[in-house]
Amino acid sequence: MAGVAVFQGAGDVSGSVLFEEQAGGVRVLVDLVVPPGAHGFHIHRAGDLRGVGCAGACDHWSLPRDGTQHGGPPGSGSRRHTGDLGNIVGPRVRRRYWLAGVRARDLWGRTVIVHADPDDLGRGGHPDSLTTGHSGARIGCAVIGRTTARRRTQKRL
């Protein structure tokens, strides 16, 4: 099984994020163009793009096992939401992640969001560091949909 989030239309973010289910988890393949610099990158709980800055997407997605504190990306060893993916650096982003213990269907209907500012990984000391990583406004949003495609149509990462 697989999922895909496609960034298109208005805004400064374009490209796609593919979620491929494999034994033990989901491989995430990011292929995006974003404004230059570092940007917080997260999976949010809801797939609702209504409201200013995709406000309907709600907060960061997390499985009960991972808790409610914001932290670094997978493999960082920090307490974190399941959807905390750290930072991406533009303008061209090609990156992989591994989400252990996650299934593709856990992701369908959620939203991938690119933020305006860098994610402080929960260590910034700001009032919102432990909830959002103090990563600023949402500049790109795409709902994760179900797909049967298991391969990327773009150059392999």
N, C-alpha and C. Protein backbone atom coordinates (compact mmCIF):
# COMPACT_ATOMS: atom_id res chain seq x y z
N MET A 1 0.84 -1.18 0.00
CA MET A 1 0.00 0.00 0.00
C MET A 1 0.88 1.24 0.00
N ALA A 2 0.31 2.33 -0.46
CA ALA A 2 1.08 3.56 -0.55
C ALA A 2 0.17 4.77 -0.43
N GLY A 3 0.80 5.90 -0.19
CA GLY A 3 0.10 7.17 -0.15
C GLY A 3 0.94 8.22 -0.84
N VAL A 4 0.31 9.30 -1.26
CA VAL A 4 1.04 10.39 -1.91
C VAL A 4 0.40 11.72 -1.52
N ALA A 5 1.27 12.72 -1.33
CA ALA A 5 0.83 14.10 -1.10
C ALA A 5 1.43 14.94 -2.22
N VAL A 6 0.59 15.62 -2.99
CA VAL A 6 1.05 16.41 -4.13
C VAL A 6 0.82 17.88 -3.83
N PHE A 7 1.91 18.65 -3.87
CA PHE A 7 1.85 20.10 -3.67
C PHE A 7 1.75 20.73 -5.05
N GLN A 8 0.64 21.44 -5.30
CA GLN A 8 0.47 22.09 -6.60
C GLN A 8 -0.45 23.29 -6.45
N GLY A 9 -0.43 24.15 -7.46
CA GLY A 9 -1.31 25.31 -7.41
C GLY A 9 -0.61 26.51 -6.81
N ALA A 10 -1.34 27.31 -6.09
CA ALA A 10 -0.81 28.54 -5.51
C ALA A 10 0.23 28.23 -4.44
N GLY A 11 1.16 29.14 -4.27
CA GLY A 11 2.15 28.98 -3.21
C GLY A 11 3.54 28.73 -3.76
N ASP A 12 4.49 28.70 -2.84
CA ASP A 12 5.90 28.57 -3.19
C ASP A 12 6.42 27.15 -3.05
N VAL A 13 5.55 26.18 -2.84
CA VAL A 13 5.96 24.79 -2.66
C VAL A 13 5.35 23.95 -3.77
N SER A 14 6.19 23.13 -4.42
CA SER A 14 5.68 22.22 -5.45
C SER A 14 6.42 20.89 -5.34
N GLY A 15 5.80 19.85 -5.87
CA GLY A 15 6.40 18.52 -5.85
C GLY A 15 5.52 17.53 -5.13
N SER A 16 6.13 16.44 -4.67
CA SER A 16 5.35 15.39 -4.03
C SER A 16 6.12 14.69 -2.92
N VAL A 17 5.36 14.01 -2.07
CA VAL A 17 5.91 13.18 -1.01
C VAL A 17 5.22 11.82 -1.14
N LEU A 18 5.99 10.78 -1.32
CA LEU A 18 5.46 9.43 -1.49
C LEU A 18 5.69 8.63 -0.22
N PHE A 19 4.69 7.87 0.19
CA PHE A 19 4.74 7.04 1.39
C PHE A 19 4.57 5.59 0.95
N GLU A 20 5.63 4.79 1.03
CA GLU A 20 5.59 3.39 0.59
C GLU A 20 5.65 2.46 1.80
N GLU A 21 4.60 1.66 1.97
CA GLU A 21 4.59 0.71 3.08
C GLU A 21 5.54 -0.44 2.77
N GLN A 22 6.37 -0.77 3.74
CA GLN A 22 7.29 -1.89 3.64
C GLN A 22 7.23 -2.66 4.95
N ALA A 23 7.94 -3.77 5.04
CA ALA A 23 7.94 -4.55 6.27
C ALA A 23 8.47 -3.68 7.42
N GLY A 24 7.65 -3.51 8.45
CA GLY A 24 8.08 -2.78 9.63
C GLY A 24 7.85 -1.29 9.64
N GLY A 25 7.34 -0.73 8.55
CA GLY A 25 7.11 0.71 8.56
C GLY A 25 6.83 1.29 7.19
N VAL A 26 7.02 2.60 7.08
CA VAL A 26 6.76 3.32 5.84
C VAL A 26 8.00 4.11 5.45
N ARG A 27 8.41 3.94 4.21
CA ARG A 27 9.50 4.74 3.66
C ARG A 27 8.88 6.00 3.06
N VAL A 28 9.43 7.15 3.41
CA VAL A 28 8.93 8.45 2.95
C VAL A 28 9.96 9.02 1.98
N LEU A 29 9.52 9.32 0.76
CA LEU A 29 10.40 9.88 -0.27
C LEU A 29 9.92 11.29 -0.61
N VAL A 30 10.75 12.26 -0.30
CA VAL A 30 10.40 13.67 -0.48
C VAL A 30 11.08 14.20 -1.74
N ASP A 31 10.32 14.83 -2.61
CA ASP A 31 10.84 15.46 -3.83
C ASP A 31 10.10 16.78 -4.01
N LEU A 32 10.66 17.85 -3.44
CA LEU A 32 9.98 19.14 -3.40
C LEU A 32 10.88 20.28 -3.86
N VAL A 33 10.25 21.35 -4.28
CA VAL A 33 10.91 22.64 -4.49
C VAL A 33 10.24 23.60 -3.51
N VAL A 34 11.06 24.23 -2.66
CA VAL A 34 10.58 25.15 -1.63
C VAL A 34 11.43 26.42 -1.68
N PRO A 35 11.02 27.48 -1.01
CA PRO A 35 11.87 28.67 -0.97
C PRO A 35 13.24 28.33 -0.35
N PRO A 36 14.29 29.05 -0.72
CA PRO A 36 15.61 28.79 -0.15
C PRO A 36 15.60 28.86 1.39
N GLY A 37 16.43 28.04 2.01
CA GLY A 37 16.55 28.05 3.46
C GLY A 37 15.89 26.85 4.12
N ALA A 38 15.95 26.82 5.45
CA ALA A 38 15.41 25.71 6.24
C ALA A 38 13.94 25.96 6.57
N HIS A 39 13.17 24.87 6.53
CA HIS A 39 11.72 24.94 6.78
C HIS A 39 11.30 23.74 7.63
N GLY A 40 10.48 24.00 8.67
CA GLY A 40 9.89 22.90 9.41
C GLY A 40 9.03 22.06 8.49
N PHE A 41 9.02 20.74 8.72
CA PHE A 41 8.35 19.79 7.84
C PHE A 41 7.66 18.75 8.70
N HIS A 42 6.33 18.71 8.63
CA HIS A 42 5.56 17.86 9.54
C HIS A 42 4.37 17.20 8.87
N ILE A 43 3.90 16.12 9.48
CA ILE A 43 2.63 15.51 9.12
C ILE A 43 1.63 15.97 10.18
N HIS A 44 0.54 16.59 9.73
CA HIS A 44 -0.48 17.09 10.65
C HIS A 44 -1.67 16.13 10.69
N ARG A 45 -2.43 16.23 11.75
CA ARG A 45 -3.45 15.25 12.11
C ARG A 45 -4.61 15.14 11.12
N ALA A 46 -5.10 16.23 10.59
CA ALA A 46 -6.30 16.20 9.76
C ALA A 46 -5.98 16.53 8.30
N GLY A 47 -6.86 16.13 7.42
CA GLY A 47 -6.71 16.41 6.00
C GLY A 47 -7.61 17.53 5.52
N ASP A 48 -7.80 18.52 6.34
CA ASP A 48 -8.70 19.63 6.05
C ASP A 48 -7.87 20.87 5.72
N LEU A 49 -7.90 21.30 4.46
CA LEU A 49 -7.09 22.45 4.04
C LEU A 49 -7.83 23.77 4.15
N ARG A 50 -9.02 23.76 4.73
CA ARG A 50 -9.77 25.02 4.87
C ARG A 50 -9.12 25.93 5.91
N GLY A 51 -9.41 27.20 5.78
CA GLY A 51 -8.90 28.18 6.74
C GLY A 51 -7.57 28.76 6.31
N VAL A 52 -7.23 29.88 6.90
CA VAL A 52 -5.97 30.55 6.59
C VAL A 52 -4.81 29.65 6.97
N GLY A 53 -3.88 29.45 6.03
CA GLY A 53 -2.72 28.61 6.32
C GLY A 53 -3.07 27.17 6.61
N CYS A 54 -4.12 26.67 5.97
CA CYS A 54 -4.54 25.28 6.18
C CYS A 54 -4.83 25.00 7.66
N ALA A 55 -5.45 25.94 8.33
CA ALA A 55 -5.71 25.82 9.77
C ALA A 55 -6.48 24.56 10.12
N GLY A 56 -7.30 24.06 9.19
CA GLY A 56 -8.09 22.86 9.45
C GLY A 56 -7.25 21.60 9.58
N ALA A 57 -5.97 21.66 9.23
CA ALA A 57 -5.09 20.48 9.34
C ALA A 57 -4.75 20.15 10.79
N CYS A 58 -5.10 21.04 11.70
CA CYS A 58 -4.91 20.82 13.14
C CYS A 58 -3.43 20.73 13.53
N ASP A 59 -3.16 20.00 14.62
CA ASP A 59 -1.81 19.92 15.17
C ASP A 59 -1.03 18.76 14.56
N HIS A 60 0.18 18.55 15.05
CA HIS A 60 1.04 17.49 14.53
C HIS A 60 0.45 16.12 14.87
N TRP A 61 0.51 15.21 13.90
CA TRP A 61 -0.01 13.86 14.08
C TRP A 61 0.93 13.05 14.96
N SER A 62 0.35 12.23 15.83
CA SER A 62 1.16 11.36 16.67
C SER A 62 0.39 10.10 17.04
N LEU A 63 1.07 8.98 17.00
CA LEU A 63 0.52 7.74 17.52
C LEU A 63 0.60 7.80 19.05
N PRO A 64 -0.30 7.12 19.75
CA PRO A 64 -0.28 7.16 21.22
C PRO A 64 1.07 6.76 21.81
N ARG A 65 1.79 5.86 21.18
CA ARG A 65 3.09 5.41 21.71
C ARG A 65 4.13 6.52 21.73
N ASP A 66 3.96 7.53 20.86
CA ASP A 66 4.98 8.56 20.72
C ASP A 66 4.74 9.80 21.57
N GLY A 67 3.57 9.97 22.10
CA GLY A 67 3.32 11.08 23.01
C GLY A 67 2.94 12.39 22.34
N THR A 68 2.96 13.44 23.14
CA THR A 68 2.44 14.73 22.70
C THR A 68 3.48 15.84 22.69
N GLN A 69 4.74 15.52 22.87
CA GLN A 69 5.78 16.55 22.89
C GLN A 69 6.47 16.64 21.53
N HIS A 70 6.73 17.86 21.09
CA HIS A 70 7.42 18.08 19.82
C HIS A 70 8.91 17.77 19.98
N GLY A 71 9.51 17.23 18.91
CA GLY A 71 10.93 16.91 18.96
C GLY A 71 11.52 16.82 17.58
N GLY A 72 12.65 16.13 17.48
CA GLY A 72 13.38 16.01 16.23
C GLY A 72 12.81 14.96 15.31
N PRO A 73 13.45 14.77 14.16
CA PRO A 73 12.96 13.81 13.16
C PRO A 73 13.17 12.36 13.60
N PRO A 74 12.61 11.41 12.84
CA PRO A 74 12.82 9.99 13.15
C PRO A 74 14.31 9.69 13.26
N GLY A 75 14.67 8.90 14.27
CA GLY A 75 16.06 8.51 14.46
C GLY A 75 16.87 9.50 15.29
N SER A 76 16.27 10.60 15.71
CA SER A 76 17.01 11.61 16.48
C SER A 76 17.13 11.25 17.95
N GLY A 77 16.35 10.28 18.39
CA GLY A 77 16.40 9.87 19.78
C GLY A 77 15.62 10.76 20.73
N SER A 78 14.97 11.79 20.20
CA SER A 78 14.21 12.69 21.07
C SER A 78 12.76 12.23 21.19
N ARG A 79 12.10 12.65 22.29
CA ARG A 79 10.65 12.45 22.38
C ARG A 79 10.04 13.30 21.29
N ARG A 80 9.08 12.74 20.58
CA ARG A 80 8.57 13.46 19.42
C ARG A 80 7.19 12.98 19.04
N HIS A 81 6.46 13.86 18.33
CA HIS A 81 5.25 13.42 17.64
C HIS A 81 5.69 12.50 16.50
N THR A 82 4.87 11.56 16.13
CA THR A 82 5.18 10.68 15.01
C THR A 82 5.38 11.49 13.73
N GLY A 83 4.63 12.57 13.58
CA GLY A 83 4.70 13.40 12.38
C GLY A 83 5.78 14.46 12.37
N ASP A 84 6.64 14.51 13.38
CA ASP A 84 7.73 15.48 13.41
C ASP A 84 8.85 14.99 12.50
N LEU A 85 9.05 15.68 11.38
CA LEU A 85 10.07 15.26 10.41
C LEU A 85 11.26 16.21 10.37
N GLY A 86 11.32 17.17 11.28
CA GLY A 86 12.48 18.06 11.36
C GLY A 86 12.44 19.17 10.33
N ASN A 87 13.58 19.38 9.68
CA ASN A 87 13.71 20.46 8.70
C ASN A 87 14.06 19.92 7.32
N ILE A 88 13.60 20.64 6.32
CA ILE A 88 14.07 20.43 4.95
C ILE A 88 14.73 21.73 4.53
N VAL A 89 15.71 21.65 3.63
CA VAL A 89 16.44 22.84 3.20
C VAL A 89 16.30 23.00 1.71
N GLY A 90 15.77 24.17 1.30
CA GLY A 90 15.51 24.43 -0.11
C GLY A 90 16.62 25.23 -0.75
N PRO A 91 16.51 25.38 -2.07
CA PRO A 91 15.27 25.27 -2.81
C PRO A 91 14.91 23.85 -3.28
N ARG A 92 15.86 22.99 -3.55
CA ARG A 92 15.55 21.64 -4.04
C ARG A 92 15.70 20.65 -2.90
N VAL A 93 14.64 19.87 -2.63
CA VAL A 93 14.66 18.92 -1.52
C VAL A 93 14.44 17.51 -2.06
N ARG A 94 15.39 16.65 -1.83
CA ARG A 94 15.26 15.21 -2.09
C ARG A 94 15.76 14.51 -0.84
N ARG A 95 14.84 13.88 -0.15
CA ARG A 95 15.18 13.32 1.14
C ARG A 95 14.34 12.09 1.42
N ARG A 96 14.86 11.20 2.26
CA ARG A 96 14.15 9.99 2.69
C ARG A 96 13.99 10.00 4.20
N TYR A 97 12.90 9.41 4.64
CA TYR A 97 12.66 9.19 6.07
C TYR A 97 12.16 7.75 6.23
N TRP A 98 12.27 7.23 7.43
CA TRP A 98 11.71 5.93 7.78
C TRP A 98 10.82 6.12 8.99
N LEU A 99 9.55 5.74 8.86
CA LEU A 99 8.59 5.81 9.96
C LEU A 99 8.33 4.39 10.44
N ALA A 100 9.05 3.97 11.48
CA ALA A 100 8.94 2.61 12.00
C ALA A 100 7.58 2.38 12.65
N GLY A 101 7.03 1.20 12.42
CA GLY A 101 5.78 0.82 13.05
C GLY A 101 4.55 1.53 12.54
N VAL A 102 4.67 2.21 11.41
CA VAL A 102 3.55 2.95 10.82
C VAL A 102 3.10 2.21 9.57
N ARG A 103 1.82 2.26 9.26
CA ARG A 103 1.29 1.68 8.03
C ARG A 103 0.82 2.82 7.13
N ALA A 104 0.80 2.57 5.83
CA ALA A 104 0.38 3.61 4.88
C ALA A 104 -1.02 4.11 5.21
N ARG A 105 -1.91 3.22 5.58
CA ARG A 105 -3.29 3.65 5.86
C ARG A 105 -3.38 4.54 7.09
N ASP A 106 -2.37 4.50 7.98
CA ASP A 106 -2.34 5.43 9.12
C ASP A 106 -2.19 6.87 8.65
N LEU A 107 -1.65 7.05 7.45
CA LEU A 107 -1.32 8.37 6.93
C LEU A 107 -2.38 8.95 6.01
N TRP A 108 -3.20 8.10 5.42
CA TRP A 108 -4.22 8.59 4.48
C TRP A 108 -5.13 9.59 5.17
N GLY A 109 -5.36 10.71 4.50
CA GLY A 109 -6.26 11.72 5.04
C GLY A 109 -5.60 12.70 6.00
N ARG A 110 -4.31 12.58 6.19
CA ARG A 110 -3.57 13.55 7.01
C ARG A 110 -2.94 14.57 6.06
N THR A 111 -2.28 15.59 6.59
CA THR A 111 -1.71 16.64 5.76
C THR A 111 -0.22 16.79 6.00
N VAL A 112 0.55 16.89 4.92
CA VAL A 112 1.97 17.22 5.00
C VAL A 112 2.06 18.74 4.88
N ILE A 113 2.82 19.36 5.78
CA ILE A 113 2.93 20.82 5.78
C ILE A 113 4.38 21.26 5.79
N VAL A 114 4.69 22.24 4.94
CA VAL A 114 5.98 22.93 4.94
C VAL A 114 5.75 24.27 5.62
N HIS A 115 6.59 24.59 6.59
CA HIS A 115 6.47 25.83 7.35
C HIS A 115 7.47 26.88 6.86
N ALA A 116 7.21 28.13 7.17
CA ALA A 116 8.05 29.25 6.71
C ALA A 116 9.42 29.28 7.38
N ASP A 117 9.51 28.85 8.61
CA ASP A 117 10.74 28.98 9.40
C ASP A 117 11.31 27.62 9.77
N PRO A 118 12.58 27.61 10.22
CA PRO A 118 13.18 26.35 10.68
C PRO A 118 12.47 25.83 11.93
N ASP A 119 12.47 24.53 12.08
CA ASP A 119 11.94 23.84 13.25
C ASP A 119 13.06 23.82 14.30
N ASP A 120 12.78 24.28 15.52
CA ASP A 120 13.81 24.26 16.56
C ASP A 120 13.89 22.91 17.28
N LEU A 121 13.15 21.93 16.80
CA LEU A 121 13.17 20.55 17.29
C LEU A 121 12.80 20.43 18.77
N GLY A 122 12.02 21.40 19.25
CA GLY A 122 11.58 21.37 20.64
C GLY A 122 12.60 21.91 21.62
N ARG A 123 13.70 22.48 21.13
CA ARG A 123 14.78 22.94 22.01
C ARG A 123 14.97 24.45 22.03
N GLY A 124 14.04 25.20 21.45
CA GLY A 124 14.24 26.63 21.30
C GLY A 124 13.87 27.49 22.49
N GLY A 125 13.13 26.95 23.43
CA GLY A 125 12.75 27.73 24.59
C GLY A 125 11.61 28.71 24.34
N HIS A 126 11.01 28.68 23.18
CA HIS A 126 9.86 29.53 22.88
C HIS A 126 8.60 28.87 23.44
N PRO A 127 7.54 29.65 23.68
CA PRO A 127 6.31 29.05 24.22
C PRO A 127 5.76 27.92 23.35
N ASP A 128 6.00 27.96 22.04
CA ASP A 128 5.48 26.91 21.15
C ASP A 128 6.54 25.89 20.71
N SER A 129 7.72 25.92 21.31
CA SER A 129 8.77 24.97 20.91
C SER A 129 8.38 23.52 21.12
N LEU A 130 7.69 23.22 22.22
CA LEU A 130 7.34 21.83 22.52
C LEU A 130 6.04 21.38 21.89
N THR A 131 5.39 22.26 21.12
CA THR A 131 4.17 21.86 20.41
C THR A 131 4.35 21.93 18.90
N THR A 132 5.02 22.97 18.39
CA THR A 132 5.14 23.16 16.94
C THR A 132 6.58 23.29 16.45
N GLY A 133 7.54 23.37 17.37
CA GLY A 133 8.92 23.59 16.95
C GLY A 133 9.18 25.04 16.56
N HIS A 134 8.24 25.94 16.88
CA HIS A 134 8.39 27.37 16.57
C HIS A 134 8.74 27.57 15.10
N SER A 135 8.06 26.81 14.23
CA SER A 135 8.43 26.81 12.81
C SER A 135 7.62 27.77 11.94
N GLY A 136 6.78 28.57 12.53
CA GLY A 136 6.13 29.65 11.78
C GLY A 136 4.93 29.24 10.95
N ALA A 137 4.59 30.15 10.03
CA ALA A 137 3.40 29.99 9.19
C ALA A 137 3.50 28.77 8.27
N ARG A 138 2.36 28.30 7.84
CA ARG A 138 2.27 27.17 6.91
C ARG A 138 2.30 27.73 5.49
N ILE A 139 3.34 27.39 4.73
CA ILE A 139 3.48 27.93 3.37
C ILE A 139 3.15 26.92 2.28
N GLY A 140 3.00 25.67 2.64
CA GLY A 140 2.62 24.63 1.69
C GLY A 140 1.90 23.51 2.40
N CYS A 141 0.78 23.06 1.83
CA CYS A 141 -0.04 22.01 2.45
C CYS A 141 -0.51 21.04 1.38
N ALA A 142 -0.45 19.74 1.68
CA ALA A 142 -0.96 18.73 0.75
C ALA A 142 -1.51 17.55 1.54
N VAL A 143 -2.71 17.13 1.19
CA VAL A 143 -3.35 15.98 1.85
C VAL A 143 -2.74 14.69 1.31
N ILE A 144 -2.51 13.75 2.21
CA ILE A 144 -1.98 12.43 1.82
C ILE A 144 -3.16 11.57 1.36
N GLY A 145 -3.12 11.19 0.11
CA GLY A 145 -4.16 10.34 -0.45
C GLY A 145 -3.65 8.94 -0.71
N ARG A 146 -4.56 8.02 -0.84
CA ARG A 146 -4.22 6.64 -1.15
C ARG A 146 -3.84 6.55 -2.62
N THR A 147 -2.82 5.77 -2.91
CA THR A 147 -2.42 5.53 -4.29
C THR A 147 -2.04 4.07 -4.46
N THR A 148 -2.18 3.59 -5.67
CA THR A 148 -1.74 2.23 -5.97
C THR A 148 -0.33 2.23 -6.52
N ALA A 149 0.17 3.40 -6.88
CA ALA A 149 1.53 3.51 -7.43
C ALA A 149 2.55 3.21 -6.35
N ARG A 150 3.45 2.31 -6.65
CA ARG A 150 4.51 1.99 -5.70
C ARG A 150 5.84 2.56 -6.17
N ARG A 151 5.86 3.14 -7.33
CA ARG A 151 7.09 3.72 -7.84
C ARG A 151 6.90 5.19 -8.10
N ARG A 152 7.98 5.89 -8.01
CA ARG A 152 7.96 7.31 -8.32
C ARG A 152 8.05 7.48 -9.82
N THR A 153 7.36 8.47 -10.33
CA THR A 153 7.47 8.78 -11.75
C THR A 153 8.66 9.68 -12.00
N GLN A 154 9.18 10.28 -10.93
CA GLN A 154 10.35 11.14 -11.05
C GLN A 154 11.60 10.32 -10.78
N LYS A 155 12.74 10.93 -10.99
CA LYS A 155 14.02 10.28 -10.75
C LYS A 155 14.08 9.74 -9.33
N ARG A 156 14.57 8.53 -9.17
CA ARG A 156 14.63 7.86 -7.88
C ARG A 156 15.58 8.60 -6.93
N LEU A 157 15.20 8.68 -5.66
CA LEU A 157 16.04 9.34 -4.66
C LEU A 157 17.22 8.48 -4.29
